[in-house]
C-alpha atoms as a PDB file:
ATOM      1  CA  MET A   1     -74.871  20.640 -42.746  1.00  0.00           C
ATOM      2  CA  THR A   2     -78.074  20.057 -40.772  1.00  0.00           C
ATOM      3  CA  SER A   3     -78.996  20.095 -37.109  1.00  0.00           C
ATOM      4  CA  THR A   4     -82.020  19.422 -34.954  1.00  0.00           C
ATOM      5  CA  THR A   5     -82.739  20.730 -31.459  1.00  0.00           C
ATOM      6  CA  ALA A   6     -85.535  19.656 -29.134  1.00  0.00           C
ATOM      7  CA  ALA A   7     -87.317  21.187 -26.159  1.00  0.00           C
ATOM      8  CA  THR A   8     -89.689  19.192 -23.995  1.00  0.00           C
ATOM      9  CA  THR A   9     -92.672  20.558 -22.086  1.00  0.00           C
ATOM     10  CA  PRO A  10     -93.572  18.585 -18.923  1.00  0.00           C
ATOM     11  CA  PRO A  11     -97.128  17.259 -19.141  1.00  0.00           C
ATOM     12  CA  GLY A  12     -99.966  18.476 -16.981  1.00  0.00           C
ATOM     13  CA  PRO A  13    -102.208  16.032 -15.111  1.00  0.00           C
ATOM     14  CA  GLY A  14    -103.366  13.397 -17.583  1.00  0.00           C
ATOM     15  CA  ALA A  15    -101.777  15.196 -20.547  1.00  0.00           C
ATOM     16  CA  PRO A  16     -99.053  13.766 -22.798  1.00  0.00           C
ATOM     17  CA  GLU A  17     -95.527  15.154 -22.824  1.00  0.00           C
ATOM     18  CA  ILE A  18     -94.922  17.606 -25.694  1.00  0.00           C
ATOM     19  CA  GLU A  19     -91.578  17.787 -27.473  1.00  0.00           C
ATOM     20  CA  VAL A  20     -90.790  20.620 -29.908  1.00  0.00           C
ATOM     21  CA  ARG A  21     -88.107  19.765 -32.467  1.00  0.00           C
ATOM     22  CA  ARG A  22     -86.395  22.563 -34.399  1.00  0.00           C
ATOM     23  CA  SER A  23     -84.654  21.575 -37.604  1.00  0.00           C
ATOM     24  CA  ARG A  24     -82.679  23.594 -40.178  1.00  0.00           C
ATOM     25  CA  ARG A  25     -83.718  21.017 -42.772  1.00  0.00           C
ATOM     26  CA  ARG A  26     -87.394  21.840 -42.186  1.00  0.00           C
ATOM     27  CA  THR A  27     -88.242  25.077 -43.981  1.00  0.00           C
ATOM     28  CA  ARG A  28     -91.726  24.690 -45.461  1.00  0.00           C
ATOM     29  CA  THR A  29     -93.745  22.459 -43.131  1.00  0.00           C
ATOM     30  CA  VAL A  30     -94.845  22.053 -39.521  1.00  0.00           C
ATOM     31  CA  THR A  31     -95.785  18.543 -38.358  1.00  0.00           C
ATOM     32  CA  ALA A  32     -97.298  17.031 -35.201  1.00  0.00           C
ATOM     33  CA  PHE A  33     -97.320  13.318 -34.427  1.00  0.00           C
ATOM     34  CA  ARG A  34     -97.081  10.827 -31.574  1.00  0.00           C
ATOM     35  CA  GLU A  35     -93.834   9.045 -30.795  1.00  0.00           C
ATOM     36  CA  ASN A  36     -93.063   6.786 -27.809  1.00  0.00           C
ATOM     37  CA  GLY A  37     -95.958   8.091 -25.719  1.00  0.00           C
ATOM     38  CA  ARG A  38     -95.298  11.793 -26.343  1.00  0.00           C
ATOM     39  CA  ILE A  39     -96.482  14.345 -28.900  1.00  0.00           C
ATOM     40  CA  VAL A  40     -93.765  15.723 -31.147  1.00  0.00           C
ATOM     41  CA  VAL A  41     -94.200  19.050 -32.960  1.00  0.00           C
ATOM     42  CA  ALA A  42     -91.513  19.533 -35.629  1.00  0.00           C
ATOM     43  CA  ILE A  43     -90.933  23.166 -36.694  1.00  0.00           C
ATOM     44  CA  PRO A  44     -88.369  25.156 -38.709  1.00  0.00           C
ATOM     45  CA  ALA A  45     -85.343  26.301 -36.697  1.00  0.00           C
ATOM     46  CA  ARG A  46     -85.974  29.927 -37.720  1.00  0.00           C
ATOM     47  CA  PHE A  47     -89.264  30.205 -35.780  1.00  0.00           C
ATOM     48  CA  SER A  48     -89.412  32.839 -33.051  1.00  0.00           C
ATOM     49  CA  PRO A  49     -90.699  31.885 -29.575  1.00  0.00           C
ATOM     50  CA  ALA A  50     -94.030  33.507 -30.446  1.00  0.00           C
ATOM     51  CA  GLN A  51     -94.303  31.547 -33.698  1.00  0.00           C
ATOM     52  CA  GLU A  52     -93.407  28.359 -31.846  1.00  0.00           C
ATOM     53  CA  ALA A  53     -96.154  28.910 -29.269  1.00  0.00           C
ATOM     54  CA  GLU A  54     -98.692  29.739 -31.997  1.00  0.00           C
ATOM     55  CA  TRP A  55     -97.873  26.708 -34.108  1.00  0.00           C
ATOM     56  CA  VAL A  56     -97.674  24.255 -31.223  1.00  0.00           C
ATOM     57  CA  GLU A  57    -101.191  25.255 -30.150  1.00  0.00           C
ATOM     58  CA  LYS A  58    -102.454  25.066 -33.735  1.00  0.00           C
ATOM     59  CA  MET A  59    -100.907  21.655 -34.450  1.00  0.00           C
ATOM     60  CA  LEU A  60    -102.033  20.107 -31.163  1.00  0.00           C
ATOM     61  CA  ALA A  61    -105.621  21.061 -32.051  1.00  0.00           C
ATOM     62  CA  ARG A  62    -105.211  19.670 -35.578  1.00  0.00           C
ATOM     63  CA  LEU A  63    -103.701  16.421 -34.307  1.00  0.00           C
ATOM     64  CA  ALA A  64    -106.562  15.990 -31.815  1.00  0.00           C
ATOM     65  CA  ALA A  65    -109.131  16.507 -34.596  1.00  0.00           C
ATOM     66  CA  THR A  66    -107.334  14.022 -36.842  1.00  0.00           C
ATOM     67  CA  GLU A  67    -107.224  11.414 -34.085  1.00  0.00           C
ATOM     68  CA  ARG A  68    -110.920  11.820 -33.244  1.00  0.00           C
ATOM     69  CA  ARG A  69    -111.783  11.219 -36.886  1.00  0.00           C
ATOM     70  CA  ARG A  70    -109.475   8.210 -37.175  1.00  0.00           C
ATOM     71  CA  ARG A  71    -110.451   6.523 -33.887  1.00  0.00           C
ATOM     72  CA  PRO A  72    -114.172   5.834 -34.167  1.00  0.00           C
ATOM     73  CA  SER A  73    -116.124   4.218 -31.333  1.00  0.00           C
ATOM     74  CA  ASP A  74    -117.343   0.622 -31.563  1.00  0.00           C
ATOM     75  CA  ALA A  75    -120.788   1.932 -32.521  1.00  0.00           C
ATOM     76  CA  ALA A  76    -119.269   4.074 -35.271  1.00  0.00           C
ATOM     77  CA  LEU A  77    -117.237   1.067 -36.455  1.00  0.00           C
ATOM     78  CA  ALA A  78    -120.420  -1.011 -36.707  1.00  0.00           C
ATOM     79  CA  ALA A  79    -122.174   1.711 -38.713  1.00  0.00           C
ATOM     80  CA  ARG A  80    -119.140   2.043 -40.979  1.00  0.00           C
ATOM     81  CA  ALA A  81    -119.008  -1.724 -41.536  1.00  0.00           C
ATOM     82  CA  ALA A  82    -122.719  -1.814 -42.397  1.00  0.00           C
ATOM     83  CA  ALA A  83    -122.258   0.980 -44.949  1.00  0.00           C
ATOM     84  CA  LEU A  84    -119.263  -0.777 -46.517  1.00  0.00           C
ATOM     85  CA  SER A  85    -121.191  -4.057 -46.708  1.00  0.00           C
ATOM     86  CA  GLU A  86    -124.053  -2.342 -48.514  1.00  0.00           C
ATOM     87  CA  ARG A  87    -121.711  -0.557 -50.897  1.00  0.00           C
ATOM     88  CA  TYR A  88    -119.376  -3.382 -51.845  1.00  0.00           C
ATOM     89  CA  LEU A  89    -121.052  -6.671 -50.815  1.00  0.00           C
ATOM     90  CA  GLU A  90    -124.740  -6.019 -51.563  1.00  0.00           C
ATOM     91  CA  GLY A  91    -125.357  -6.077 -47.805  1.00  0.00           C
ATOM     92  CA  ARG A  92    -124.591  -9.804 -47.607  1.00  0.00           C
ATOM     93  CA  ALA A  93    -122.223  -9.413 -44.662  1.00  0.00           C
ATOM     94  CA  ARG A  94    -124.202  -8.521 -41.528  1.00  0.00           C
ATOM     95  CA  PRO A  95    -121.883  -8.437 -38.509  1.00  0.00           C
ATOM     96  CA  THR A  96    -123.472  -8.799 -35.082  1.00  0.00           C
ATOM     97  CA  SER A  97    -120.740  -6.645 -33.549  1.00  0.00           C
ATOM     98  CA  VAL A  98    -117.648  -4.711 -34.612  1.00  0.00           C
ATOM     99  CA  ALA A  99    -115.241  -3.781 -31.828  1.00  0.00           C
ATOM    100  CA  TRP A 100    -111.715  -2.637 -31.059  1.00  0.00           C
ATOM    101  CA  VAL A 101    -109.624  -5.106 -29.028  1.00  0.00           C
ATOM    102  CA  THR A 102    -106.261  -4.642 -27.313  1.00  0.00           C
ATOM    103  CA  ASN A 103    -105.216  -8.303 -27.115  1.00  0.00           C
ATOM    104  CA  MET A 104    -104.750  -8.931 -30.835  1.00  0.00           C
ATOM    105  CA  ARG A 105    -100.998  -9.372 -31.286  1.00  0.00           C
ATOM    106  CA  ARG A 106    -100.579 -11.073 -34.650  1.00  0.00           C
ATOM    107  CA  ARG A 107    -103.476  -9.758 -36.708  1.00  0.00           C
ATOM    108  CA  TRP A 108    -104.946  -6.459 -37.772  1.00  0.00           C
ATOM    109  CA  GLY A 109    -108.422  -7.932 -37.572  1.00  0.00           C
ATOM    110  CA  SER A 110    -110.435 -11.136 -37.316  1.00  0.00           C
ATOM    111  CA  ALA A 111    -113.942 -12.341 -38.105  1.00  0.00           C
ATOM    112  CA  THR A 112    -115.944 -15.252 -36.654  1.00  0.00           C
ATOM    113  CA  ARG A 113    -118.452 -16.390 -39.245  1.00  0.00           C
ATOM    114  CA  SER A 114    -120.502 -18.496 -36.815  1.00  0.00           C
ATOM    115  CA  THR A 115    -121.212 -15.548 -34.524  1.00  0.00           C
ATOM    116  CA  GLY A 116    -120.888 -12.643 -36.958  1.00  0.00           C
ATOM    117  CA  GLU A 117    -118.333 -10.885 -34.759  1.00  0.00           C
ATOM    118  CA  ILE A 118    -115.570  -8.687 -36.181  1.00  0.00           C
ATOM    119  CA  ARG A 119    -112.656  -7.559 -34.034  1.00  0.00           C
ATOM    120  CA  LEU A 120    -110.022  -4.988 -35.002  1.00  0.00           C
ATOM    121  CA  SER A 121    -106.622  -4.418 -33.398  1.00  0.00           C
ATOM    122  CA  HIS A 122    -106.437  -1.103 -31.546  1.00  0.00           C
ATOM    123  CA  VAL A 123    -103.127  -0.524 -33.375  1.00  0.00           C
ATOM    124  CA  LEU A 124    -105.228   0.481 -36.404  1.00  0.00           C
ATOM    125  CA  GLN A 125    -106.514   3.499 -34.496  1.00  0.00           C
ATOM    126  CA  GLY A 126    -105.073   6.659 -35.997  1.00  0.00           C
ATOM    127  CA  MET A 127    -104.315   5.128 -39.380  1.00  0.00           C
ATOM    128  CA  PRO A 128    -105.871   6.625 -42.544  1.00  0.00           C
ATOM    129  CA  GLU A 129    -109.571   5.963 -42.991  1.00  0.00           C
ATOM    130  CA  TRP A 130    -109.062   4.168 -46.308  1.00  0.00           C
ATOM    131  CA  VAL A 131    -106.706   1.695 -44.580  1.00  0.00           C
ATOM    132  CA  LEU A 132    -109.292   0.983 -41.874  1.00  0.00           C
ATOM    133  CA  ASP A 133    -111.941   0.518 -44.566  1.00  0.00           C
ATOM    134  CA  GLY A 134    -109.711  -2.011 -46.336  1.00  0.00           C
ATOM    135  CA  VAL A 135    -109.436  -4.095 -43.156  1.00  0.00           C
ATOM    136  CA  LEU A 136    -113.180  -3.843 -42.528  1.00  0.00           C
ATOM    137  CA  VAL A 137    -114.044  -5.001 -46.055  1.00  0.00           C
ATOM    138  CA  HIS A 138    -111.534  -7.867 -45.678  1.00  0.00           C
ATOM    139  CA  GLU A 139    -113.266  -9.036 -42.494  1.00  0.00           C
ATOM    140  CA  LEU A 140    -116.745  -8.477 -43.910  1.00  0.00           C
ATOM    141  CA  ALA A 141    -115.811 -10.693 -46.860  1.00  0.00           C
ATOM    142  CA  HIS A 142    -114.869 -13.417 -44.354  1.00  0.00           C
ATOM    143  CA  LEU A 143    -118.445 -13.396 -43.032  1.00  0.00           C
ATOM    144  CA  VAL A 144    -119.474 -14.438 -46.537  1.00  0.00           C
ATOM    145  CA  GLU A 145    -116.496 -16.614 -47.536  1.00  0.00           C
ATOM    146  CA  ALA A 146    -114.477 -18.227 -44.752  1.00  0.00           C
ATOM    147  CA  ASN A 147    -111.313 -19.006 -46.704  1.00  0.00           C
ATOM    148  CA  HIS A 148    -108.983 -16.952 -48.873  1.00  0.00           C
ATOM    149  CA  GLY A 149    -110.097 -18.534 -52.145  1.00  0.00           C
ATOM    150  CA  PRO A 150    -110.968 -16.841 -55.441  1.00  0.00           C
ATOM    151  CA  ARG A 151    -114.511 -15.998 -54.282  1.00  0.00           C
ATOM    152  CA  PHE A 152    -113.203 -14.301 -51.136  1.00  0.00           C
ATOM    153  CA  ARG A 153    -110.674 -12.287 -53.122  1.00  0.00           C
ATOM    154  CA  GLU A 154    -113.322 -11.212 -55.598  1.00  0.00           C
ATOM    155  CA  LEU A 155    -115.410  -9.884 -52.715  1.00  0.00           C
ATOM    156  CA  ALA A 156    -112.580  -8.233 -50.755  1.00  0.00           C
ATOM    157  CA  TRP A 157    -111.106  -6.591 -53.852  1.00  0.00           C
ATOM    158  CA  ARG A 158    -114.370  -4.879 -54.713  1.00  0.00           C
ATOM    159  CA  TYR A 159    -113.025  -2.246 -52.347  1.00  0.00           C
ATOM    160  CA  PRO A 160    -110.944  -0.205 -54.823  1.00  0.00           C
ATOM    161  CA  ARG A 161    -108.078   0.545 -52.397  1.00  0.00           C
ATOM    162  CA  GLN A 162    -107.676  -2.965 -50.999  1.00  0.00           C
ATOM    163  CA  THR A 163    -104.228  -3.461 -52.527  1.00  0.00           C
ATOM    164  CA  GLU A 164    -103.094  -0.057 -51.236  1.00  0.00           C
ATOM    165  CA  SER A 165    -104.472  -0.835 -47.786  1.00  0.00           C
ATOM    166  CA  GLU A 166    -102.581  -4.121 -47.532  1.00  0.00           C
ATOM    167  CA  ALA A 167     -99.433  -2.476 -48.873  1.00  0.00           C
ATOM    168  CA  PHE A 168     -99.698   0.316 -46.300  1.00  0.00           C
ATOM    169  CA  LEU A 169    -100.027  -2.206 -43.465  1.00  0.00           C
ATOM    170  CA  ALA A 170     -97.094  -4.211 -44.815  1.00  0.00           C
ATOM    171  CA  GLY A 171     -95.042  -1.016 -44.743  1.00  0.00           C
ATOM    172  CA  VAL A 172     -96.103  -0.285 -41.151  1.00  0.00           C
ATOM    173  CA  THR A 173     -95.118  -3.807 -40.094  1.00  0.00           C
ATOM    174  CA  TRP A 174     -91.729  -3.479 -41.798  1.00  0.00           C
ATOM    175  CA  ALA A 175     -91.081  -0.048 -40.268  1.00  0.00           C
ATOM    176  CA  GLN A 176     -91.993  -1.200 -36.763  1.00  0.00           C
ATOM    177  CA  GLY A 177     -89.851  -4.314 -37.123  1.00  0.00           C
ATOM    178  CA  HIS A 178     -86.866  -2.181 -38.136  1.00  0.00           C
ATOM    179  CA  GLY A 179     -87.423   0.652 -35.644  1.00  0.00           C
ATOM    180  CA  VAL A 180     -87.875   3.260 -38.379  1.00  0.00           C
ATOM    181  CA  ALA A 181     -88.709   6.783 -37.164  1.00  0.00           C
ATOM    182  CA  GLY A 182     -87.389  10.276 -37.664  1.00  0.00           C
ATOM    183  CA  ASP A 183     -87.951  14.037 -37.635  1.00  0.00           C
ATOM    184  CA  GLY A 184     -91.456  14.712 -38.879  1.00  0.00           C
ATOM    185  CA  VAL A 185     -92.254  11.077 -39.678  1.00  0.00           C
ATOM    186  CA  PRO A 186     -94.841   9.465 -37.366  1.00  0.00           C
ATOM    187  CA  ASP A 187     -93.690   6.000 -36.326  1.00  0.00           C
ATOM    188  CA  ASP A 188     -96.740   4.674 -34.564  1.00  0.00           C
ATOM    189  CA  ASP A 189     -99.679   6.867 -35.465  1.00  0.00           C
ATOM    190  CA  GLY A 190    -101.251   9.229 -37.956  1.00  0.00           C
ATOM    191  CA  GLY A 191    -100.086  12.832 -37.684  1.00  0.00           C
ATOM    192  CA  ALA A 192    -101.027  16.334 -38.812  1.00  0.00           C
ATOM    193  CA  GLU A 193     -99.023  18.612 -41.103  1.00  0.00           C
ATOM    194  CA  ASP A 194     -99.170  22.162 -42.462  1.00  0.00           C
ATOM    195  CA  ASP A 195     -97.293  23.738 -45.349  1.00  0.00           C
ATOM    196  CA  LEU A 196     -95.756  27.167 -44.905  1.00  0.00           C
ATOM    197  CA  GLU A 197     -96.461  29.258 -48.006  1.00  0.00           C
ATOM    198  CA  PRO A 198     -94.688  32.540 -48.814  1.00  0.00           C
ATOM    199  CA  GLU A 199     -96.556  35.778 -48.264  1.00  0.00           C
ATOM    200  CA  PRO A 200     -95.730  39.162 -49.840  1.00  0.00           C
ATOM    201  CA  GLY A 201     -92.662  40.517 -48.077  1.00  0.00           C
ATOM    202  CA  GLY A 202     -91.162  37.115 -47.393  1.00  0.00           C
ATOM    203  CA  SER A 203     -93.169  36.017 -44.327  1.00  0.00           C
ATOM    204  CA  ARG A 204     -95.047  32.751 -44.367  1.00  0.00           C
ATOM    205  CA  ALA A 205     -98.611  31.692 -43.627  1.00  0.00           C
ATOM    206  CA  PRO A 206    -100.188  28.252 -43.234  1.00  0.00           C
ATOM    207  CA  ALA A 207    -102.012  26.187 -45.843  1.00  0.00           C
ATOM    208  CA  ALA A 208    -103.447  22.780 -44.999  1.00  0.00           C
ATOM    209  CA  SER A 209    -101.715  19.668 -46.313  1.00  0.00           C
ATOM    210  CA  PRO A 210    -102.428  15.961 -45.706  1.00  0.00           C
ATOM    211  CA  ALA A 211    -100.244  13.952 -43.322  1.00  0.00           C
ATOM    212  CA  PRO A 212     -97.503  11.815 -44.940  1.00  0.00           C
ATOM    213  CA  ALA A 213     -98.286   8.163 -45.645  1.00  0.00           C
ATOM    214  CA  ALA A 214     -96.260   5.171 -44.525  1.00  0.00           C
ATOM    215  CA  PRO A 215     -94.024   3.466 -47.130  1.00  0.00           C
ATOM    216  CA  PRO A 216     -95.900   0.799 -49.112  1.00  0.00           C
ATOM    217  CA  ALA A 217     -94.955  -2.863 -49.477  1.00  0.00           C
ATOM    218  CA  ARG A 218     -96.826  -5.870 -50.852  1.00  0.00           C
ATOM    219  CA  ALA A 219     -98.875  -8.004 -48.444  1.00  0.00           C
ATOM    220  CA  ALA A 220     -99.349 -11.777 -48.337  1.00  0.00           C
ATOM    221  CA  SER A 221    -102.352 -13.951 -47.375  1.00  0.00           C
ATOM    222  CA  ALA A 222    -103.102 -16.317 -44.489  1.00  0.00           C
ATOM    223  CA  ASP A 223    -106.045 -17.488 -42.340  1.00  0.00           C
ATOM    224  CA  HIS A 224    -109.237 -15.597 -41.292  1.00  0.00           C
ATOM    225  CA  GLY A 225    -108.256 -11.985 -40.885  1.00  0.00           C
ATOM    226  CA  ALA A 226    -105.606  -9.353 -41.161  1.00  0.00           C
ATOM    227  CA  ALA A 227    -102.394 -10.113 -39.337  1.00  0.00           C
ATOM    228  CA  GLY A 228    -101.050  -7.491 -36.989  1.00  0.00           C
ATOM    229  CA  PRO A 229     -97.807  -5.609 -36.458  1.00  0.00           C
ATOM    230  CA  PRO A 230     -96.129  -6.817 -33.231  1.00  0.00           C
ATOM    231  CA  SER A 231     -94.222  -9.720 -34.742  1.00  0.00           C
ATOM    232  CA  PRO A 232     -92.021  -8.770 -37.736  1.00  0.00           C
ATOM    233  CA  SER A 233     -92.009 -12.412 -38.824  1.00  0.00           C
ATOM    234  CA  SER A 234     -95.809 -12.771 -38.938  1.00  0.00           C
ATOM    235  CA  SER A 235     -97.719 -12.555 -42.221  1.00  0.00           C
ATOM    236  CA  LEU A 236    -100.070  -9.651 -42.850  1.00  0.00           C
ATOM    237  CA  PHE A 237    -103.223 -11.446 -44.010  1.00  0.00           C
END
């Protein structure tokens, strides 16, 4: 027998709504993530009001730090792309610009070889860094090889987590297409999580733990860039 209760805190000016979910199923972890425009903090049902206040403050700070790290500026994206090009492509891909865009509905990213421009869907913001790197290397490879032939794949798959990156994005697309979400599972963004470890006497104290990953699935290939999540019927790459 399980149950979940929720309490919502009205947002202040310019701040997101915060929902605290208490669950009897949750005994060893505290998680914070974004869901439908609000921040959800999932805690064990046994927490006292003081513990709730302490952990909500702690997890909001951790989530903010995680999001800052996972949402680099355009300038930081360009520097990251340059470093990846040097590391995996001998510096052969030299983008003229790398920027987030909000109007990319069917792709995760795109590259224009004639201008050297790389554009990434803002939906990637908040995803794990190794997933973002996989998309960047994919687009950088397109600045060298326009099509998805053997030479392109040899370049793109020099990034050692390329298969994982595509699988992660395929899982995100599937989950969004099927409306998958739940207690403690971020449905649209990266989250933050802490384990609760036993202390002498039976009380518990925090120990850092990485946020859960989205379910993997195999990706396919298509034209010039990584396909995005809005359309469940669209291909991934």
